[in-house]
Amino acid sequence: MRFAIFGDWREKITLLRSHDMAEGRQQLLQIDQPALADGAEMWRVARDSGTLDLNSPYAYLLWCRDFAETSAVARTKGGLAGFVTGYTRPDERETLMVWQVGVDAAHRGQGVASALLQAVVDRAVSQGARWLETTITADNRASIALFSALARSRGARLSVSGLFGDDLFAGSHIAEDLYRIGPFV
């Protein structure tokens, strides 16, 4: 299933599941900035993913409060479908750093992560961002595909370089490569 996108990226976005339209049912998915009430569900999605680094519930509340402008959530009537957390780098104000992308298991494979990421990038670009950075482990094929597709859809360059070697994680994590996409115009 894919989503057809309606609305302006700079405001609340409504996505309509096209597969359900064909069957006469409509399920709306709204993408907007996270609110404090989303923090616990963001933590649950991250925990249940089995792949994301799990931060404390407190950290997700801080994301909702302090980094809402550079983050996004996707909601359905049933609850949170997914989220993207990000921030503008303090030493490089034209760079959006994407921290996590999480999608609830019931919504995976439907384009939710891509729609969330596009929404966050559109908002950041409207505020002056020209670059996106994220870190990805070499074995995370889904994230590599997601960010590669973003670069292609934006007609932007994608560069990959080492950033955090596994030695920096005290043996508790594998190396993270830096993915840098841009410039966006």
Protein backbone atom coordinates (compact mmCIF):
# COMPACT_ATOMS: atom_id res chain seq x y z
CA MET A 1 0.00 0.00 0.00
CA ARG A 2 1.13 3.50 -0.81
CA PHE A 3 -0.15 6.87 0.28
CA ALA A 4 -1.31 9.67 -1.99
CA ILE A 5 -0.22 13.02 -0.55
CA PHE A 6 -2.53 15.99 -0.15
CA GLY A 7 -1.71 19.34 1.43
CA ASP A 8 1.15 21.73 1.98
CA TRP A 9 4.34 20.31 3.54
CA ARG A 10 4.74 23.43 5.64
CA GLU A 11 1.47 22.82 7.41
CA LYS A 12 -0.34 19.76 8.68
CA ILE A 13 -0.29 17.11 5.94
CA THR A 14 -3.02 14.62 5.29
CA LEU A 15 -2.23 11.41 3.47
CA LEU A 16 -4.92 9.15 2.13
CA ARG A 17 -4.19 5.47 1.69
CA SER A 18 -4.90 4.90 -2.00
CA HIS A 19 -5.45 1.13 -1.62
CA ASP A 20 -8.25 1.73 0.85
CA MET A 21 -9.87 4.26 -1.49
CA ALA A 22 -10.25 1.52 -4.10
CA GLU A 23 -12.09 -0.59 -1.54
CA GLY A 24 -14.34 2.29 -0.49
CA ARG A 25 -12.62 2.83 2.87
CA GLN A 26 -10.56 5.82 3.81
CA GLN A 27 -7.84 5.89 6.40
CA LEU A 28 -6.30 9.29 6.99
CA LEU A 29 -2.71 9.74 8.02
CA GLN A 30 -1.73 13.18 9.27
CA ILE A 31 1.85 14.39 9.39
CA ASP A 32 2.74 17.35 11.57
CA GLN A 33 5.06 18.44 14.34
CA PRO A 34 5.17 16.25 17.44
CA ALA A 35 3.43 17.33 20.62
CA LEU A 36 4.32 16.28 24.16
CA ALA A 37 1.48 13.75 24.07
CA ASP A 38 3.35 11.92 21.25
CA GLY A 39 6.48 11.23 23.32
CA ALA A 40 5.36 7.95 24.91
CA GLU A 41 4.16 6.56 21.57
CA MET A 42 7.43 7.57 19.86
CA TRP A 43 9.28 5.66 22.57
CA ARG A 44 6.97 2.62 22.04
CA VAL A 45 7.55 2.64 18.26
CA ALA A 46 11.33 2.84 18.81
CA ARG A 47 11.22 0.05 21.41
CA ASP A 48 9.04 -2.22 19.30
CA SER A 49 11.13 -1.69 16.15
CA GLY A 50 13.82 -4.02 17.44
CA THR A 51 16.40 -2.07 15.41
CA LEU A 52 16.42 1.54 16.63
CA ASP A 53 18.67 2.62 19.46
CA LEU A 54 16.21 3.06 22.30
CA ASN A 55 16.44 6.33 24.17
CA SER A 56 14.66 6.93 27.47
CA PRO A 57 11.00 8.02 27.44
CA TYR A 58 12.27 11.33 28.83
CA ALA A 59 14.45 11.85 25.74
CA TYR A 60 11.45 11.48 23.43
CA LEU A 61 9.56 14.07 25.49
CA LEU A 62 12.48 16.45 25.06
CA TRP A 63 12.43 15.84 21.28
CA CYS A 64 8.74 16.77 21.27
CA ARG A 65 9.34 19.92 23.26
CA ASP A 66 12.72 21.19 22.06
CA PHE A 67 13.02 19.87 18.50
CA ALA A 68 9.41 19.81 17.26
CA GLU A 69 10.20 22.17 14.37
CA THR A 70 12.76 19.76 12.96
CA SER A 71 10.83 16.57 13.70
CA ALA A 72 7.55 15.05 12.51
CA VAL A 73 4.96 12.47 13.48
CA ALA A 74 2.41 10.57 11.41
CA ARG A 75 -0.89 9.87 13.15
CA THR A 76 -3.94 7.77 12.28
CA LYS A 77 -7.19 7.44 14.20
CA GLY A 78 -5.58 4.46 15.89
CA GLY A 79 -2.51 6.33 17.14
CA LEU A 80 1.03 7.08 16.09
CA ALA A 81 2.07 5.50 12.78
CA GLY A 82 5.64 6.82 12.75
CA PHE A 83 8.07 9.61 13.54
CA VAL A 84 11.25 11.36 12.45
CA THR A 85 13.44 13.19 14.94
CA GLY A 86 15.99 15.73 13.83
CA TYR A 87 17.74 18.95 14.75
CA THR A 88 19.63 21.77 13.13
CA ARG A 89 23.35 21.39 13.80
CA PRO A 90 24.48 24.23 16.10
CA ASP A 91 27.83 24.57 14.32
CA GLU A 92 26.33 24.28 10.84
CA ARG A 93 22.94 26.02 10.76
CA GLU A 94 22.25 25.00 7.15
CA THR A 95 22.37 21.29 8.06
CA LEU A 96 19.48 19.22 9.34
CA MET A 97 20.67 16.18 11.29
CA VAL A 98 18.12 13.35 11.21
CA TRP A 99 18.41 11.33 14.40
CA GLN A 100 15.80 8.58 14.09
CA VAL A 101 13.13 7.38 11.70
CA GLY A 102 10.64 4.97 13.25
CA VAL A 103 7.49 3.42 11.77
CA ASP A 104 4.98 1.30 13.65
CA ALA A 105 4.96 -2.31 12.44
CA ALA A 106 1.37 -2.01 11.16
CA HIS A 107 2.39 0.81 8.80
CA ARG A 108 5.73 -0.42 7.45
CA GLY A 109 6.17 -0.79 3.71
CA GLN A 110 3.52 1.84 2.95
CA GLY A 111 5.70 4.90 2.32
CA VAL A 112 5.22 6.42 5.79
CA ALA A 113 8.95 6.85 6.45
CA SER A 114 9.49 8.51 3.09
CA ALA A 115 6.54 10.87 3.58
CA LEU A 116 7.74 11.81 7.06
CA LEU A 117 11.27 12.44 5.83
CA GLN A 118 10.05 14.55 2.89
CA ALA A 119 7.91 16.63 5.28
CA VAL A 120 10.83 17.27 7.64
CA VAL A 121 13.15 18.18 4.77
CA ASP A 122 10.59 20.52 3.18
CA ARG A 123 10.09 22.31 6.49
CA ALA A 124 13.85 22.57 7.10
CA VAL A 125 14.52 23.86 3.58
CA SER A 126 11.82 26.51 4.02
CA GLN A 127 13.78 27.64 7.10
CA GLY A 128 17.14 27.82 5.29
CA ALA A 129 18.57 24.29 5.45
CA ARG A 130 20.59 23.21 2.43
CA TRP A 131 21.93 19.87 3.67
CA LEU A 132 20.73 16.76 5.48
CA GLU A 133 22.96 14.48 7.48
CA THR A 134 22.26 11.19 9.16
CA THR A 135 24.31 8.26 10.37
CA ILE A 136 23.61 4.69 9.32
CA THR A 137 25.28 1.37 10.11
CA ALA A 138 26.53 -0.54 7.07
CA ASP A 139 24.06 -3.39 7.68
CA ASN A 140 20.92 -1.18 7.76
CA ARG A 141 19.68 -1.71 4.21
CA ALA A 142 16.27 -0.13 4.85
CA SER A 143 17.75 3.18 6.02
CA ILE A 144 20.33 3.20 3.23
CA ALA A 145 17.53 2.70 0.69
CA LEU A 146 15.35 5.39 2.34
CA PHE A 147 18.00 8.09 2.31
CA SER A 148 19.31 7.11 -1.14
CA ALA A 149 15.75 7.46 -2.47
CA LEU A 150 15.46 10.87 -0.79
CA ALA A 151 18.61 12.08 -2.55
CA ARG A 152 17.34 10.80 -5.91
CA SER A 153 13.89 12.36 -5.46
CA ARG A 154 15.48 15.72 -4.64
CA GLY A 155 18.10 15.55 -7.39
CA ALA A 156 20.74 16.01 -4.69
CA ARG A 157 24.18 14.53 -4.19
CA LEU A 158 24.67 11.79 -1.63
CA SER A 159 28.07 11.26 -0.05
CA VAL A 160 29.00 8.56 2.44
CA SER A 161 31.99 8.64 4.77
CA GLY A 162 33.03 7.11 8.06
CA LEU A 163 32.07 9.12 11.13
CA PHE A 164 31.83 7.10 14.34
CA GLY A 165 34.03 3.99 14.41
CA ASP A 166 32.94 1.08 16.58
CA ASP A 167 35.88 1.84 18.88
CA LEU A 168 34.12 5.07 19.91
CA PHE A 169 31.14 3.08 21.20
CA ALA A 170 33.18 1.10 23.74
CA GLY A 171 32.28 -2.15 21.98
CA SER A 172 28.53 -1.69 22.40
CA HIS A 173 27.67 -0.63 18.84
CA ILE A 174 28.91 -1.06 15.29
CA ALA A 175 30.34 1.83 13.28
CA GLU A 176 28.04 4.56 11.97
CA ASP A 177 28.69 6.08 8.53
CA LEU A 178 27.78 9.68 7.76
CA TYR A 179 25.30 10.17 4.91
CA ARG A 180 25.24 13.76 3.66
CA ILE A 181 22.62 14.86 1.10
CA GLY A 182 22.41 18.19 -0.68
CA PRO A 183 22.59 20.93 -1.44
CA PHE A 184 18.83 21.47 -1.54
CA VAL A 185 17.57 24.47 -3.45
